[in-house]
Amino acid sequence: MKLKRTFRLPPDVIDQLAEFASRRRVGQPDIVEAALRSFMSPDNPEQLEAALSRRLDRIDRRIGALDQQAEITTEALALFVRFWLTANPPLPDSALAAAQAQGKERYMGFVQSLARRLETGVKFPNELDAGHKVRTSR
C-alpha cells in the first residue's frame, strides 16, 4: 500500500522530472521514489566509492601489464636490431637486387608466421613470464 504526500518543487525541477519520465517512459512517482530511496540510503556513497576503487585498481593493473609488455617489445626490437646490424655487413651493389628479392620472400614468410602465431593466442610476453617462472622455481 502506498501513501499519498504532496510536495512543492520549483518549476524547473518539475519540468526536468516530466521530461526525464517521458524520455524513459517511466512514471514520475517511480522516479521520485527511486531518487528518495537513493538519497536516503546510508551506504550508497560508500558502495559507489568501493565500486569505483575496484574499477580503478583493475585499470591500474591492466595499464601496468601493458606498460610491461611495451617495455619488453621495445627491448626485444632494440636487441634484434643491434644484433642484426653487427652480424650483417653491408652488401656490395652487385648483390643488392638478389638480397632484396630474398628479403621480400623472407618478409612474407615472417608475416605468415606472425599471423599464425596471433591466431593461436600465444604471446611473447606470456612466454617470457612462463620462462621466468620456470627459472625462478628451480
Protein backbone atom coordinates (compact mmCIF):
# COMPACT_ATOMS: atom_id res chain seq x y z
CA MET A 1 0.00 0.00 0.00
CA LYS A 2 1.34 3.41 -0.91
CA LEU A 3 0.58 6.62 0.92
CA LYS A 4 -0.02 9.94 -0.78
CA ARG A 5 2.11 13.01 0.05
CA THR A 6 2.12 16.44 -1.52
CA PHE A 7 5.37 18.33 -2.06
CA ARG A 8 6.15 21.69 -3.54
CA LEU A 9 9.02 21.74 -6.04
CA PRO A 10 10.48 24.53 -8.16
CA PRO A 11 9.04 24.71 -11.69
CA ASP A 12 12.37 23.84 -13.34
CA VAL A 13 12.62 20.63 -11.28
CA ILE A 14 9.05 19.71 -12.24
CA ASP A 15 9.91 20.28 -15.92
CA GLN A 16 13.06 18.15 -15.65
CA LEU A 17 11.11 15.38 -13.92
CA ALA A 18 8.42 15.40 -16.60
CA GLU A 19 10.98 15.36 -19.42
CA PHE A 20 13.02 12.60 -17.80
CA ALA A 21 9.91 10.48 -17.17
CA SER A 22 8.80 10.96 -20.77
CA ARG A 23 12.21 10.03 -22.19
CA ARG A 24 12.50 6.94 -20.00
CA ARG A 25 8.82 6.05 -20.35
CA VAL A 26 8.53 5.74 -16.58
CA GLY A 27 6.01 7.29 -14.24
CA GLN A 28 7.06 10.39 -12.33
CA PRO A 29 6.18 8.81 -8.94
CA ASP A 30 8.54 5.90 -9.72
CA ILE A 31 11.39 8.33 -10.43
CA VAL A 32 10.72 10.31 -7.27
CA GLU A 33 10.57 7.11 -5.20
CA ALA A 34 13.85 5.80 -6.65
CA ALA A 35 15.54 9.17 -6.12
CA LEU A 36 14.39 9.36 -2.50
CA ARG A 37 15.49 5.79 -1.78
CA SER A 38 18.89 6.50 -3.29
CA PHE A 39 19.24 9.77 -1.39
CA MET A 40 18.28 8.20 1.94
CA SER A 41 20.38 5.05 1.55
CA PRO A 42 23.09 5.33 4.21
CA ASP A 43 25.69 3.20 2.44
CA ASN A 44 25.11 4.35 -1.14
CA PRO A 45 28.15 6.70 -1.30
CA GLU A 46 30.37 4.05 0.29
CA GLN A 47 29.20 1.41 -2.19
CA LEU A 48 29.84 3.75 -5.08
CA GLU A 49 33.30 4.61 -3.78
CA ALA A 50 34.15 0.93 -3.28
CA ALA A 51 32.97 0.06 -6.80
CA LEU A 52 34.98 2.92 -8.30
CA SER A 53 38.01 1.92 -6.26
CA ARG A 54 37.81 -1.69 -7.53
CA ARG A 55 37.43 -0.49 -11.10
CA LEU A 56 40.40 1.89 -10.79
CA ASP A 57 42.51 -0.91 -9.30
CA ARG A 58 41.69 -3.16 -12.29
CA ILE A 59 42.53 -0.35 -14.71
CA ASP A 60 45.80 0.31 -12.89
CA ARG A 61 46.79 -3.37 -13.06
CA ARG A 62 45.94 -3.51 -16.77
CA ILE A 63 47.95 -0.37 -17.51
CA GLY A 64 50.88 -1.86 -15.59
CA ALA A 65 50.68 -5.03 -17.69
CA LEU A 66 50.50 -3.00 -20.90
CA ASP A 67 53.48 -0.92 -19.81
CA GLN A 68 55.49 -4.07 -19.11
CA GLN A 69 54.55 -5.55 -22.50
CA ALA A 70 55.53 -2.33 -24.30
CA GLU A 71 58.88 -2.32 -22.48
CA ILE A 72 59.53 -5.96 -23.39
CA THR A 73 58.61 -5.30 -27.02
CA THR A 74 60.88 -2.26 -27.23
CA GLU A 75 63.82 -4.07 -25.65
CA ALA A 76 63.35 -7.13 -27.90
CA LEU A 77 63.25 -4.98 -31.01
CA ALA A 78 66.31 -2.97 -29.95
CA LEU A 79 68.24 -6.17 -29.19
CA PHE A 80 67.29 -7.65 -32.55
CA VAL A 81 68.27 -4.52 -34.48
CA ARG A 82 71.60 -4.25 -32.65
CA PHE A 83 72.36 -7.94 -33.31
CA TRP A 84 71.30 -7.70 -36.96
CA LEU A 85 73.39 -4.60 -37.60
CA THR A 86 76.51 -6.11 -36.03
CA ALA A 87 76.12 -9.54 -37.68
CA ASN A 88 75.32 -8.39 -41.23
CA PRO A 89 77.91 -6.42 -43.17
CA PRO A 90 76.75 -4.04 -45.92
CA LEU A 91 76.18 -5.70 -49.30
CA PRO A 92 78.01 -4.78 -52.48
CA ASP A 93 75.85 -3.19 -55.19
CA SER A 94 76.10 -6.32 -57.37
CA ALA A 95 74.35 -8.45 -54.70
CA LEU A 96 71.74 -5.88 -53.71
CA ALA A 97 68.94 -6.95 -56.12
CA ALA A 98 69.20 -10.62 -55.15
CA ALA A 99 69.28 -9.71 -51.46
CA GLN A 100 66.17 -7.53 -51.84
CA ALA A 101 64.29 -10.35 -53.59
CA GLN A 102 65.29 -12.80 -50.87
CA GLY A 103 64.38 -10.24 -48.21
CA LYS A 104 60.91 -9.79 -49.70
CA GLU A 105 60.41 -13.58 -49.69
CA ARG A 106 61.62 -13.90 -46.09
CA TYR A 107 59.43 -10.99 -45.02
CA MET A 108 56.33 -12.68 -46.45
CA GLY A 109 57.26 -15.82 -44.50
CA PHE A 110 57.63 -13.70 -41.38
CA VAL A 111 54.20 -12.12 -41.89
CA GLN A 112 52.58 -15.54 -42.38
CA SER A 113 54.30 -16.90 -39.29
CA LEU A 114 53.20 -13.87 -37.28
CA ALA A 115 49.59 -14.30 -38.45
CA ARG A 116 49.60 -17.97 -37.39
CA ARG A 117 51.06 -17.05 -34.01
CA LEU A 118 48.47 -14.31 -33.41
CA GLU A 119 45.69 -16.75 -34.28
CA THR A 120 46.88 -19.23 -31.64
CA GLY A 121 46.81 -16.61 -28.90
CA VAL A 122 50.35 -17.39 -27.70
CA LYS A 123 52.05 -14.11 -26.91
CA PHE A 124 55.76 -13.39 -26.43
CA PRO A 125 55.37 -11.65 -23.03
CA ASN A 126 53.45 -14.71 -21.79
CA GLU A 127 56.30 -16.95 -22.93
CA LEU A 128 58.71 -14.72 -21.05
CA ASP A 129 56.56 -14.94 -17.94
CA ALA A 130 56.37 -18.73 -18.25
CA GLY A 131 60.14 -18.96 -18.78
CA HIS A 132 60.76 -16.67 -15.83
CA LYS A 133 58.53 -18.80 -13.59
CA VAL A 134 60.34 -21.96 -14.68
CA ARG A 135 63.75 -20.38 -13.99
CA THR A 136 62.79 -18.96 -10.61
CA SER A 137 61.17 -22.17 -9.40
CA ARG A 138 64.41 -24.14 -9.67
